[in-house]
Amino acid sequence: MTKHIAFCMVMVFVFGTIMTVSADVPKDLMIYLPFDEKSGTTAKDLSNSKYVGKLKDGAKFVGGKVNNAVEMVGGKSVVTVEDFNLAPLKGTNQITIGAWFKVIEHNQWDGVVSIEAEGGECCEFRLMLNQDAAPKPFWNMGHHKDRTGKFVFAMNRWYHYAMTYDGKKARIYVDGKETESSDENVKLPTGKGLFMVGAGEAPGTWAMESGVIDEVFVVNRELRSNELKDIMNKGVIMAVDPKKKLAITWGTVKTEY
């Protein structure tokens, strides 16, 4: 009976710890829009910033790569977050911006995620597709220096797409693999800005003609390939891998009881 009670207490502790720890939000996460709402015109930010994304001009929730996502239509849809705070970049001068996306129709530059800094020249952060019929990565990192890669995206296929900056070099990752890089050597903007999903430069400008975007995030440090693959496989908020922790703890419990 004593062992049975002890076992039950251990299990309560184990599951309680797992649920509590796995819900912790990483401090370096500046924004995370999972787009898991089923309806409406606003999207919750699950980072500690608690921004609100506003769906505009036909953007709507649909089935996505992970649960739901946001669909862009007509070359004008966008999700905006106003007064996006870039101050967390002050201490690091690093950033990672990423998302899942699937492009269905393409005939111009298509914005995936972009940030326009207040008082800036233009196009400080843009993660986009270029205008080629078979689109390639197109990006701006911290300033208006247009970059185009060589990787070719296919239509109607999900990709995990990210760009990182370590203070000197920008890197592009597709499905967790580095495909391109560029020397930037720029001090990143640290004021306020307009955060956009599905557009580049401004709402309605270089907007995706038809596509779906999911799991948008920004962190104030450079993520490496293995971390991006973890995000792909486990999700953005991954302070603790609950499956791994459960397996280890369950093995210990079974051994001891």
Protein backbone atom coordinates (compact mmCIF):
# COMPACT_ATOMS: atom_id res chain seq x y z
CA MET A 1 0.00 0.00 0.00
CA THR A 2 2.84 2.38 0.89
CA LYS A 3 4.53 1.74 -2.47
CA HIS A 4 1.23 2.23 -4.28
CA ILE A 5 0.67 5.61 -2.60
CA ALA A 6 4.25 6.64 -3.31
CA PHE A 7 3.85 5.61 -6.95
CA CYS A 8 0.72 7.72 -7.33
CA MET A 9 2.42 10.72 -5.74
CA VAL A 10 5.38 10.35 -8.09
CA MET A 11 3.10 10.20 -11.13
CA VAL A 12 1.24 13.32 -10.03
CA PHE A 13 4.58 15.10 -9.63
CA VAL A 14 5.88 13.82 -12.96
CA PHE A 15 2.89 14.85 -15.03
CA GLY A 16 2.48 18.12 -13.17
CA THR A 17 6.12 18.98 -13.77
CA ILE A 18 5.94 18.06 -17.44
CA MET A 19 2.83 20.14 -18.04
CA THR A 20 4.24 23.12 -16.14
CA VAL A 21 7.73 23.14 -17.63
CA SER A 22 6.67 22.40 -21.21
CA ALA A 23 4.36 25.40 -21.09
CA ASP A 24 7.24 27.80 -20.34
CA VAL A 25 7.76 30.39 -23.08
CA PRO A 26 11.39 30.95 -24.15
CA LYS A 27 12.53 34.44 -23.13
CA ASP A 28 14.17 35.09 -26.49
CA LEU A 29 10.90 34.53 -28.35
CA MET A 30 9.75 37.95 -29.60
CA ILE A 31 6.55 36.80 -31.34
CA TYR A 32 4.87 33.50 -32.13
CA LEU A 33 1.73 33.33 -34.26
CA PRO A 34 0.57 29.70 -34.58
CA PHE A 35 -2.64 30.77 -36.36
CA ASP A 36 -4.63 28.00 -34.69
CA GLU A 37 -7.86 30.00 -34.43
CA LYS A 38 -10.82 28.58 -36.30
CA SER A 39 -12.51 31.84 -37.22
CA GLY A 40 -12.39 35.58 -36.71
CA THR A 41 -10.05 38.36 -37.76
CA THR A 42 -7.44 38.32 -34.99
CA ALA A 43 -4.57 35.94 -34.22
CA LYS A 44 -3.05 35.37 -30.78
CA ASP A 45 0.65 35.78 -30.15
CA LEU A 46 1.79 33.05 -27.73
CA SER A 47 5.06 34.76 -26.81
CA ASN A 48 5.28 36.84 -23.66
CA SER A 49 4.81 39.95 -25.82
CA LYS A 50 1.10 39.11 -26.31
CA TYR A 51 0.71 40.94 -29.60
CA VAL A 52 -2.48 40.69 -31.65
CA GLY A 53 -2.27 39.90 -35.34
CA LYS A 54 -5.00 41.46 -37.49
CA LEU A 55 -6.22 39.52 -40.54
CA LYS A 56 -7.02 41.87 -43.40
CA ASP A 57 -8.17 41.90 -47.02
CA GLY A 58 -9.39 38.33 -47.28
CA ALA A 59 -6.91 36.57 -45.02
CA LYS A 60 -8.65 33.72 -43.21
CA PHE A 61 -7.98 30.68 -41.04
CA VAL A 62 -7.73 27.31 -42.80
CA GLY A 63 -6.15 23.92 -42.16
CA GLY A 64 -2.38 24.26 -41.99
CA LYS A 65 0.88 22.44 -41.53
CA VAL A 66 0.39 22.36 -37.75
CA ASN A 67 -3.29 22.51 -36.85
CA ASN A 68 -4.62 25.68 -38.52
CA ALA A 69 -2.88 28.37 -40.56
CA VAL A 70 -3.72 31.60 -42.38
CA GLU A 71 -4.60 31.68 -46.08
CA MET A 72 -3.60 34.58 -48.33
CA VAL A 73 -5.64 35.32 -51.45
CA GLY A 74 -5.88 37.79 -54.30
CA GLY A 75 -2.46 39.37 -53.98
CA LYS A 76 -3.63 41.67 -51.18
CA SER A 77 -4.19 39.64 -47.98
CA VAL A 78 -2.00 40.36 -44.97
CA VAL A 79 -1.74 39.86 -41.22
CA THR A 80 -0.33 42.89 -39.41
CA VAL A 81 1.04 43.53 -35.93
CA GLU A 82 1.45 47.23 -35.19
CA ASP A 83 4.10 48.70 -32.89
CA PHE A 84 6.23 45.58 -33.07
CA ASN A 85 9.10 46.13 -30.62
CA LEU A 86 12.60 45.46 -31.96
CA ALA A 87 14.29 46.53 -28.70
CA PRO A 88 15.19 42.92 -27.74
CA LEU A 89 17.74 43.03 -30.57
CA LYS A 90 19.80 45.69 -28.75
CA GLY A 91 21.69 43.24 -26.58
CA THR A 92 22.29 40.59 -29.24
CA ASN A 93 22.34 42.19 -32.71
CA GLN A 94 21.06 38.79 -33.81
CA ILE A 95 17.71 37.55 -35.08
CA THR A 96 15.90 34.56 -36.54
CA ILE A 97 12.65 34.88 -38.49
CA GLY A 98 10.82 31.77 -39.65
CA ALA A 99 7.56 30.17 -40.76
CA TRP A 100 5.98 27.28 -42.59
CA PHE A 101 4.52 28.25 -45.96
CA LYS A 102 2.95 26.75 -49.08
CA VAL A 103 2.58 28.87 -52.21
CA ILE A 104 -0.27 27.90 -54.54
CA GLU A 105 -0.20 30.68 -57.13
CA HIS A 106 2.84 32.81 -57.93
CA ASN A 107 3.57 35.52 -60.51
CA GLN A 108 5.48 38.23 -58.62
CA TRP A 109 7.57 38.74 -55.48
CA ASP A 110 5.72 37.11 -52.58
CA GLY A 111 6.12 38.19 -48.96
CA VAL A 112 6.17 35.53 -46.27
CA VAL A 113 7.26 37.56 -43.20
CA SER A 114 8.53 41.14 -43.13
CA ILE A 115 9.16 43.98 -40.69
CA GLU A 116 9.23 47.66 -41.64
CA ALA A 117 11.13 49.69 -39.03
CA GLU A 118 9.78 53.12 -38.13
CA GLY A 119 11.95 55.90 -39.51
CA GLY A 120 13.89 53.48 -41.67
CA GLU A 121 14.63 53.70 -45.39
CA CYS A 122 12.58 50.64 -46.40
CA CYS A 123 12.56 46.88 -46.32
CA GLU A 124 14.66 46.26 -43.21
CA PHE A 125 13.55 42.66 -42.74
CA ARG A 126 11.97 40.70 -45.59
CA LEU A 127 11.68 36.93 -45.98
CA MET A 128 10.17 36.49 -49.43
CA LEU A 129 10.09 34.61 -52.72
CA ASN A 130 11.50 36.27 -55.83
CA GLN A 131 9.57 36.92 -59.02
CA ASP A 132 10.83 33.95 -61.07
CA ALA A 133 8.24 31.46 -62.33
CA ALA A 134 10.12 28.89 -60.25
CA PRO A 135 10.60 31.11 -57.17
CA LYS A 136 13.83 31.41 -55.20
CA PRO A 137 14.59 32.82 -51.75
CA PHE A 138 14.63 36.62 -51.58
CA TRP A 139 15.61 38.47 -48.41
CA ASN A 140 16.66 41.68 -46.66
CA MET A 141 18.47 41.55 -43.34
CA GLY A 142 18.49 44.73 -41.29
CA HIS A 143 18.81 47.14 -44.23
CA HIS A 144 17.67 47.56 -47.83
CA LYS A 145 20.15 45.29 -49.57
CA ASP A 146 18.19 42.88 -51.77
CA ARG A 147 19.48 39.31 -51.86
CA THR A 148 18.38 36.42 -54.09
CA GLY A 149 19.27 32.79 -53.57
CA LYS A 150 19.53 29.73 -55.79
CA PHE A 151 17.22 27.23 -54.09
CA VAL A 152 14.04 26.63 -56.12
CA PHE A 153 10.68 26.28 -54.35
CA ALA A 154 7.95 24.04 -55.78
CA MET A 155 4.28 24.97 -55.87
CA ASN A 156 1.73 23.38 -53.52
CA ARG A 157 4.33 22.04 -51.12
CA TRP A 158 5.01 22.92 -47.50
CA TYR A 159 8.44 24.36 -46.66
CA HIS A 160 9.95 25.53 -43.41
CA TYR A 161 11.65 28.81 -44.31
CA ALA A 162 13.90 30.84 -42.03
CA MET A 163 16.54 33.53 -42.09
CA THR A 164 19.10 34.15 -39.35
CA TYR A 165 21.70 36.77 -38.52
CA ASP A 166 24.71 36.37 -36.24
CA GLY A 167 25.83 40.01 -36.26
CA LYS A 168 27.79 39.67 -39.50
CA LYS A 169 26.29 37.09 -41.82
CA ALA A 170 22.69 36.33 -42.81
CA ARG A 171 21.76 32.74 -43.57
CA ILE A 172 18.74 31.22 -45.28
CA TYR A 173 17.43 27.83 -44.20
CA VAL A 174 14.91 25.67 -46.04
CA ASP A 175 13.59 22.68 -44.09
CA GLY A 176 16.39 23.14 -41.57
CA LYS A 177 19.22 23.12 -44.13
CA GLU A 178 21.31 26.18 -44.96
CA THR A 179 20.85 27.02 -48.64
CA GLU A 180 22.21 30.56 -48.95
CA SER A 181 24.13 33.23 -47.04
CA SER A 182 25.09 36.88 -47.40
CA ASP A 183 27.57 39.18 -45.68
CA GLU A 184 25.64 42.04 -44.07
CA ASN A 185 27.74 43.50 -41.21
CA VAL A 186 24.91 45.79 -40.14
CA LYS A 187 23.57 47.02 -36.82
CA LEU A 188 19.97 45.86 -36.66
CA PRO A 189 17.14 48.36 -36.08
CA THR A 190 15.92 48.40 -32.47
CA GLY A 191 12.90 50.72 -32.49
CA LYS A 192 9.27 49.98 -33.32
CA GLY A 193 8.03 48.58 -36.59
CA LEU A 194 5.15 47.12 -38.57
CA PHE A 195 5.20 43.31 -38.56
CA MET A 196 3.57 41.67 -41.58
CA VAL A 197 2.73 38.12 -42.62
CA GLY A 198 1.99 37.56 -46.30
CA ALA A 199 3.39 40.86 -47.60
CA GLY A 200 6.72 42.58 -48.19
CA GLU A 201 7.42 46.29 -47.65
CA ALA A 202 3.80 47.34 -46.95
CA PRO A 203 0.32 45.81 -46.65
CA GLY A 204 -0.81 44.90 -50.15
CA THR A 205 2.70 45.27 -51.58
CA TRP A 206 4.33 42.05 -52.77
CA ALA A 207 1.43 40.18 -51.20
CA MET A 208 1.09 36.46 -51.86
CA GLU A 209 -1.36 35.78 -54.71
CA SER A 210 -2.46 32.49 -53.18
CA GLY A 211 -0.83 30.56 -50.38
CA VAL A 212 -0.91 29.43 -46.78
CA ILE A 213 1.42 30.50 -43.94
CA ASP A 214 1.76 28.87 -40.53
CA GLU A 215 3.78 28.93 -37.28
CA VAL A 216 5.38 32.37 -37.70
CA PHE A 217 8.05 33.26 -35.14
CA VAL A 218 10.90 35.65 -34.35
CA VAL A 219 13.65 35.21 -31.74
CA ASN A 220 16.39 37.66 -30.79
CA ARG A 221 19.28 35.33 -31.48
CA GLU A 222 20.71 33.27 -34.31
CA LEU A 223 19.25 29.77 -34.37
CA ARG A 224 21.35 26.97 -35.84
CA SER A 225 20.29 24.18 -38.15
CA ASN A 226 19.67 21.69 -35.34
CA GLU A 227 17.44 24.19 -33.50
CA LEU A 228 15.43 24.93 -36.63
CA LYS A 229 14.95 21.21 -37.16
CA ASP A 230 13.74 20.93 -33.56
CA ILE A 231 11.20 23.66 -34.27
CA MET A 232 10.08 21.80 -37.39
CA ASN A 233 9.64 18.54 -35.51
CA LYS A 234 8.56 19.67 -32.04
CA GLY A 235 7.06 23.13 -32.44
CA VAL A 236 8.21 26.64 -31.64
CA ILE A 237 7.75 26.55 -27.87
CA MET A 238 10.10 23.76 -26.82
CA ALA A 239 11.55 24.66 -23.44
CA VAL A 240 11.28 20.95 -22.60
CA ASP A 241 10.55 18.05 -24.91
CA PRO A 242 7.65 16.47 -22.97
CA LYS A 243 7.90 13.13 -24.81
CA LYS A 244 11.59 12.75 -24.03
CA LYS A 245 11.14 13.80 -20.40
CA LEU A 246 8.22 11.43 -20.00
CA ALA A 247 10.20 8.50 -21.40
CA ILE A 248 13.13 9.13 -19.04
CA THR A 249 10.98 9.69 -15.98
CA TRP A 250 8.65 6.78 -16.70
CA GLY A 251 11.66 4.49 -17.03
CA THR A 252 12.92 5.63 -13.64
CA VAL A 253 9.50 5.19 -12.04
CA LYS A 254 9.12 1.66 -13.43
CA THR A 255 12.59 0.72 -12.21
CA GLU A 256 12.09 2.06 -8.72
CA TYR A 257 8.49 0.89 -8.21
